[in-house]
Amino acid sequence: MTKRRRSGASKKQVEARFWGQPAGAEASEPGARPPAGIRPTPDPGALVRSLGPPPLAVDPAISERDLTAVYEEAVRFSTALAAANGLLASEDPDAADS
C-alpha cells in the first residue's frame, strides 16, 4: 500500500501558519507583520532545574552544572545571532511602539 502525498499548496499553508504569515506573504511586503523582538532569558538554567535531578551520573549536581553551562552557552549564541540580525527587543518600552 502506498502512502498519499500532500500537495505542495497545503505544505505552504502549513509553513505560513507555523511562521505566522498569511499564505503567499513575504516578510518584505507592506502588510506583513515585523517579527517580535527577541528577549534573552535571564535564567537559562531554569529549564534544567524544572526537569528535576538528571539521572546521567553518580552525582546529579555535576550533570546539572554541565547542562546549565550548555544552556547558558546556547543563550549567549542565540542572543549574538539575534543581535547580528537586528532582532533583539529594545530595552526601552517606548521604542517598541515605533
N, C-alpha and C. Protein backbone atom coordinates (compact mmCIF):
# COMPACT_ATOMS: atom_id res chain seq x y z
N MET A 1 0.84 -1.17 0.00
CA MET A 1 0.00 0.00 0.00
C MET A 1 0.89 1.24 0.00
N THR A 2 0.64 2.17 -0.89
CA THR A 2 1.45 3.37 -0.98
C THR A 2 0.84 4.48 -0.15
N LYS A 3 1.70 5.36 0.31
CA LYS A 3 1.23 6.50 1.11
C LYS A 3 0.85 7.64 0.17
N ARG A 4 -0.19 8.34 0.53
CA ARG A 4 -0.61 9.50 -0.24
C ARG A 4 0.26 10.69 0.14
N ARG A 5 0.62 11.46 -0.84
CA ARG A 5 1.43 12.65 -0.59
C ARG A 5 0.54 13.87 -0.54
N ARG A 6 0.91 14.80 0.29
CA ARG A 6 0.19 16.06 0.36
C ARG A 6 0.62 16.94 -0.79
N SER A 7 -0.29 17.76 -1.22
CA SER A 7 0.06 18.68 -2.31
C SER A 7 0.99 19.77 -1.80
N GLY A 8 1.72 20.40 -2.71
CA GLY A 8 2.65 21.46 -2.34
C GLY A 8 1.96 22.67 -1.75
N ALA A 9 0.72 22.94 -2.19
CA ALA A 9 -0.01 24.11 -1.68
C ALA A 9 -0.31 23.94 -0.20
N SER A 10 -0.69 22.76 0.24
CA SER A 10 -1.01 22.59 1.64
C SER A 10 0.25 22.68 2.50
N LYS A 11 1.37 22.27 1.96
CA LYS A 11 2.63 22.39 2.71
C LYS A 11 2.97 23.86 2.92
N LYS A 12 2.74 24.67 1.88
CA LYS A 12 3.00 26.10 2.01
C LYS A 12 2.06 26.74 3.03
N GLN A 13 0.83 26.29 3.07
CA GLN A 13 -0.13 26.82 4.04
C GLN A 13 0.29 26.45 5.46
N VAL A 14 0.75 25.22 5.64
CA VAL A 14 1.22 24.79 6.97
C VAL A 14 2.43 25.61 7.39
N GLU A 15 3.36 25.84 6.47
CA GLU A 15 4.53 26.65 6.79
C GLU A 15 4.12 28.08 7.12
N ALA A 16 3.16 28.63 6.38
CA ALA A 16 2.71 30.00 6.63
C ALA A 16 2.07 30.10 8.01
N ARG A 17 1.28 29.10 8.40
CA ARG A 17 0.68 29.12 9.74
C ARG A 17 1.74 29.00 10.81
N PHE A 18 2.74 28.15 10.57
CA PHE A 18 3.80 27.96 11.56
C PHE A 18 4.59 29.25 11.78
N TRP A 19 4.93 29.93 10.68
CA TRP A 19 5.73 31.14 10.77
C TRP A 19 4.89 32.38 11.04
N GLY A 20 3.58 32.27 11.06
CA GLY A 20 2.72 33.39 11.41
C GLY A 20 2.52 34.38 10.30
N GLN A 21 2.64 33.96 9.06
CA GLN A 21 2.44 34.85 7.92
C GLN A 21 1.29 34.31 7.09
N PRO A 22 0.53 35.19 6.51
CA PRO A 22 -0.50 34.70 5.59
C PRO A 22 0.14 34.00 4.40
N ALA A 23 -0.55 33.04 3.83
CA ALA A 23 -0.02 32.30 2.70
C ALA A 23 0.31 33.24 1.56
N GLY A 24 1.52 33.12 1.01
CA GLY A 24 1.94 33.95 -0.10
C GLY A 24 2.55 35.28 0.30
N ALA A 25 2.53 35.63 1.59
CA ALA A 25 3.09 36.92 2.03
C ALA A 25 4.57 36.75 2.32
N GLU A 26 5.35 37.66 1.85
CA GLU A 26 6.77 37.67 2.15
C GLU A 26 7.01 38.66 3.29
N ALA A 27 8.12 38.50 3.99
CA ALA A 27 8.42 39.37 5.12
C ALA A 27 8.63 40.82 4.69
N SER A 28 9.00 41.04 3.43
CA SER A 28 9.28 42.40 2.98
C SER A 28 8.02 43.11 2.48
N GLU A 29 6.90 42.43 2.39
CA GLU A 29 5.68 43.06 1.92
C GLU A 29 5.14 44.03 2.96
N PRO A 30 4.47 45.11 2.53
CA PRO A 30 3.98 46.12 3.48
C PRO A 30 2.96 45.59 4.48
N GLY A 31 2.14 44.61 4.12
CA GLY A 31 1.12 44.09 5.02
C GLY A 31 1.64 43.06 6.01
N ALA A 32 2.86 42.61 5.84
CA ALA A 32 3.41 41.58 6.72
C ALA A 32 3.82 42.19 8.06
N ARG A 33 3.60 41.42 9.12
CA ARG A 33 3.98 41.88 10.46
C ARG A 33 5.49 41.75 10.63
N PRO A 34 6.14 42.72 11.27
CA PRO A 34 7.55 42.53 11.58
C PRO A 34 7.69 41.52 12.71
N PRO A 35 8.78 40.79 12.74
CA PRO A 35 8.94 39.81 13.82
C PRO A 35 9.05 40.50 15.17
N ALA A 36 8.52 39.86 16.19
CA ALA A 36 8.61 40.41 17.54
C ALA A 36 10.07 40.39 17.99
N GLY A 37 10.45 41.36 18.80
CA GLY A 37 11.82 41.40 19.30
C GLY A 37 12.11 40.23 20.22
N ILE A 38 13.32 39.75 20.15
CA ILE A 38 13.75 38.61 20.96
C ILE A 38 14.38 39.12 22.24
N ARG A 39 13.90 38.60 23.36
CA ARG A 39 14.46 38.96 24.67
C ARG A 39 15.14 37.73 25.24
N PRO A 40 16.44 37.79 25.51
CA PRO A 40 17.13 36.64 26.08
C PRO A 40 16.63 36.36 27.50
N THR A 41 16.59 35.10 27.85
CA THR A 41 16.14 34.73 29.19
C THR A 41 17.19 35.12 30.22
N PRO A 42 16.78 35.63 31.37
CA PRO A 42 17.75 35.96 32.41
C PRO A 42 18.25 34.72 33.16
N ASP A 43 17.53 33.59 33.05
CA ASP A 43 17.90 32.39 33.80
C ASP A 43 17.82 31.15 32.91
N PRO A 44 18.88 30.88 32.13
CA PRO A 44 18.84 29.71 31.24
C PRO A 44 18.79 28.38 31.99
N GLY A 45 19.23 28.34 33.21
CA GLY A 45 19.23 27.10 33.99
C GLY A 45 17.87 26.71 34.51
N ALA A 46 16.86 27.55 34.34
CA ALA A 46 15.52 27.24 34.84
C ALA A 46 14.96 25.98 34.19
N LEU A 47 15.24 25.79 32.92
CA LEU A 47 14.76 24.59 32.23
C LEU A 47 15.36 23.33 32.84
N VAL A 48 16.64 23.36 33.11
CA VAL A 48 17.32 22.20 33.69
C VAL A 48 16.74 21.89 35.07
N ARG A 49 16.54 22.92 35.88
CA ARG A 49 16.00 22.72 37.22
C ARG A 49 14.56 22.24 37.19
N SER A 50 13.78 22.67 36.19
CA SER A 50 12.38 22.28 36.13
C SER A 50 12.21 20.79 35.83
N LEU A 51 13.21 20.18 35.23
CA LEU A 51 13.12 18.75 34.90
C LEU A 51 13.49 17.85 36.06
N GLY A 52 14.01 18.42 37.14
CA GLY A 52 14.41 17.61 38.28
C GLY A 52 15.86 17.18 38.16
N PRO A 53 16.34 16.40 39.11
CA PRO A 53 17.73 15.97 39.06
C PRO A 53 17.98 15.04 37.87
N PRO A 54 19.02 15.32 37.10
CA PRO A 54 19.30 14.48 35.93
C PRO A 54 19.88 13.13 36.34
N PRO A 55 19.40 12.06 35.75
CA PRO A 55 19.90 10.72 36.10
C PRO A 55 21.06 10.30 35.21
N LEU A 56 21.98 11.22 34.94
CA LEU A 56 23.05 10.94 33.99
C LEU A 56 24.38 10.56 34.62
N ALA A 57 24.54 10.77 35.90
CA ALA A 57 25.83 10.50 36.53
C ALA A 57 25.61 10.09 37.98
N VAL A 58 26.71 9.72 38.62
CA VAL A 58 26.65 9.36 40.03
C VAL A 58 26.25 10.57 40.86
N ASP A 59 26.77 11.73 40.51
CA ASP A 59 26.45 12.97 41.22
C ASP A 59 25.58 13.86 40.32
N PRO A 60 24.28 13.95 40.59
CA PRO A 60 23.39 14.76 39.75
C PRO A 60 23.78 16.25 39.71
N ALA A 61 24.45 16.73 40.74
CA ALA A 61 24.85 18.14 40.76
C ALA A 61 25.84 18.45 39.64
N ILE A 62 26.73 17.51 39.35
CA ILE A 62 27.70 17.71 38.27
C ILE A 62 26.98 17.75 36.92
N SER A 63 26.04 16.82 36.72
CA SER A 63 25.28 16.81 35.47
C SER A 63 24.46 18.08 35.33
N GLU A 64 23.83 18.53 36.40
CA GLU A 64 23.03 19.76 36.36
C GLU A 64 23.90 20.96 36.03
N ARG A 65 25.09 21.01 36.61
CA ARG A 65 26.02 22.12 36.33
C ARG A 65 26.43 22.13 34.87
N ASP A 66 26.74 20.95 34.34
CA ASP A 66 27.15 20.86 32.93
C ASP A 66 26.01 21.20 31.98
N LEU A 67 24.81 20.71 32.26
CA LEU A 67 23.66 21.04 31.42
C LEU A 67 23.33 22.52 31.47
N THR A 68 23.46 23.12 32.66
CA THR A 68 23.22 24.56 32.79
C THR A 68 24.25 25.34 31.98
N ALA A 69 25.48 24.89 31.98
CA ALA A 69 26.52 25.56 31.19
C ALA A 69 26.20 25.48 29.70
N VAL A 70 25.69 24.35 29.25
CA VAL A 70 25.31 24.20 27.84
C VAL A 70 24.18 25.16 27.49
N TYR A 71 23.16 25.25 28.35
CA TYR A 71 22.04 26.15 28.09
C TYR A 71 22.49 27.61 28.12
N GLU A 72 23.39 27.96 29.04
CA GLU A 72 23.89 29.34 29.08
C GLU A 72 24.64 29.68 27.80
N GLU A 73 25.43 28.75 27.30
CA GLU A 73 26.16 28.99 26.05
C GLU A 73 25.20 29.11 24.88
N ALA A 74 24.14 28.31 24.88
CA ALA A 74 23.14 28.40 23.81
C ALA A 74 22.43 29.76 23.84
N VAL A 75 22.16 30.27 25.02
CA VAL A 75 21.53 31.59 25.14
C VAL A 75 22.48 32.67 24.65
N ARG A 76 23.75 32.57 24.99
CA ARG A 76 24.73 33.56 24.50
C ARG A 76 24.82 33.54 22.98
N PHE A 77 24.88 32.34 22.42
CA PHE A 77 24.99 32.21 20.97
C PHE A 77 23.74 32.75 20.27
N SER A 78 22.57 32.37 20.75
CA SER A 78 21.34 32.83 20.10
C SER A 78 21.13 34.32 20.28
N THR A 79 21.57 34.89 21.40
CA THR A 79 21.48 36.33 21.60
C THR A 79 22.39 37.06 20.63
N ALA A 80 23.60 36.54 20.44
CA ALA A 80 24.53 37.16 19.49
C ALA A 80 23.99 37.05 18.07
N LEU A 81 23.39 35.92 17.73
CA LEU A 81 22.82 35.74 16.41
C LEU A 81 21.65 36.70 16.18
N ALA A 82 20.81 36.86 17.19
CA ALA A 82 19.68 37.79 17.08
C ALA A 82 20.18 39.23 16.98
N ALA A 83 21.21 39.58 17.74
CA ALA A 83 21.76 40.94 17.68
C ALA A 83 22.38 41.22 16.32
N ALA A 84 23.05 40.23 15.75
CA ALA A 84 23.68 40.42 14.44
C ALA A 84 22.63 40.64 13.35
N ASN A 85 21.42 40.12 13.56
CA ASN A 85 20.36 40.28 12.57
C ASN A 85 19.36 41.36 12.94
N GLY A 86 19.64 42.11 14.00
CA GLY A 86 18.77 43.21 14.40
C GLY A 86 17.42 42.76 14.95
N LEU A 87 17.38 41.61 15.60
CA LEU A 87 16.12 41.08 16.10
C LEU A 87 15.95 41.19 17.61
N LEU A 88 16.92 41.75 18.31
CA LEU A 88 16.79 41.88 19.76
C LEU A 88 15.74 42.91 20.11
N ALA A 89 14.98 42.62 21.16
CA ALA A 89 13.97 43.56 21.64
C ALA A 89 14.68 44.75 22.28
N SER A 90 14.10 45.90 22.14
CA SER A 90 14.65 47.11 22.71
C SER A 90 14.44 47.11 24.22
N GLU A 91 15.39 47.64 24.95
CA GLU A 91 15.25 47.77 26.39
C GLU A 91 14.27 48.88 26.75
N ASP A 92 14.10 49.85 25.85
CA ASP A 92 13.23 50.98 26.08
C ASP A 92 11.80 50.60 25.67
N PRO A 93 10.82 50.59 26.60
CA PRO A 93 9.47 50.18 26.23
C PRO A 93 8.81 51.12 25.23
N ASP A 94 9.21 52.42 25.18
CA ASP A 94 8.63 53.36 24.22
C ASP A 94 9.14 53.10 22.82
N ALA A 95 10.33 52.52 22.68
CA ALA A 95 10.91 52.27 21.37
C ALA A 95 10.21 51.12 20.67
N ALA A 96 9.52 50.25 21.41
CA ALA A 96 8.83 49.12 20.79
C ALA A 96 7.62 49.56 20.00
N ASP A 97 7.05 50.73 20.33
CA ASP A 97 5.88 51.23 19.62
C ASP A 97 6.24 51.88 18.30
N SER A 98 7.48 52.29 18.13
CA SER A 98 7.86 52.98 16.89
C SER A 98 8.28 52.04 15.80
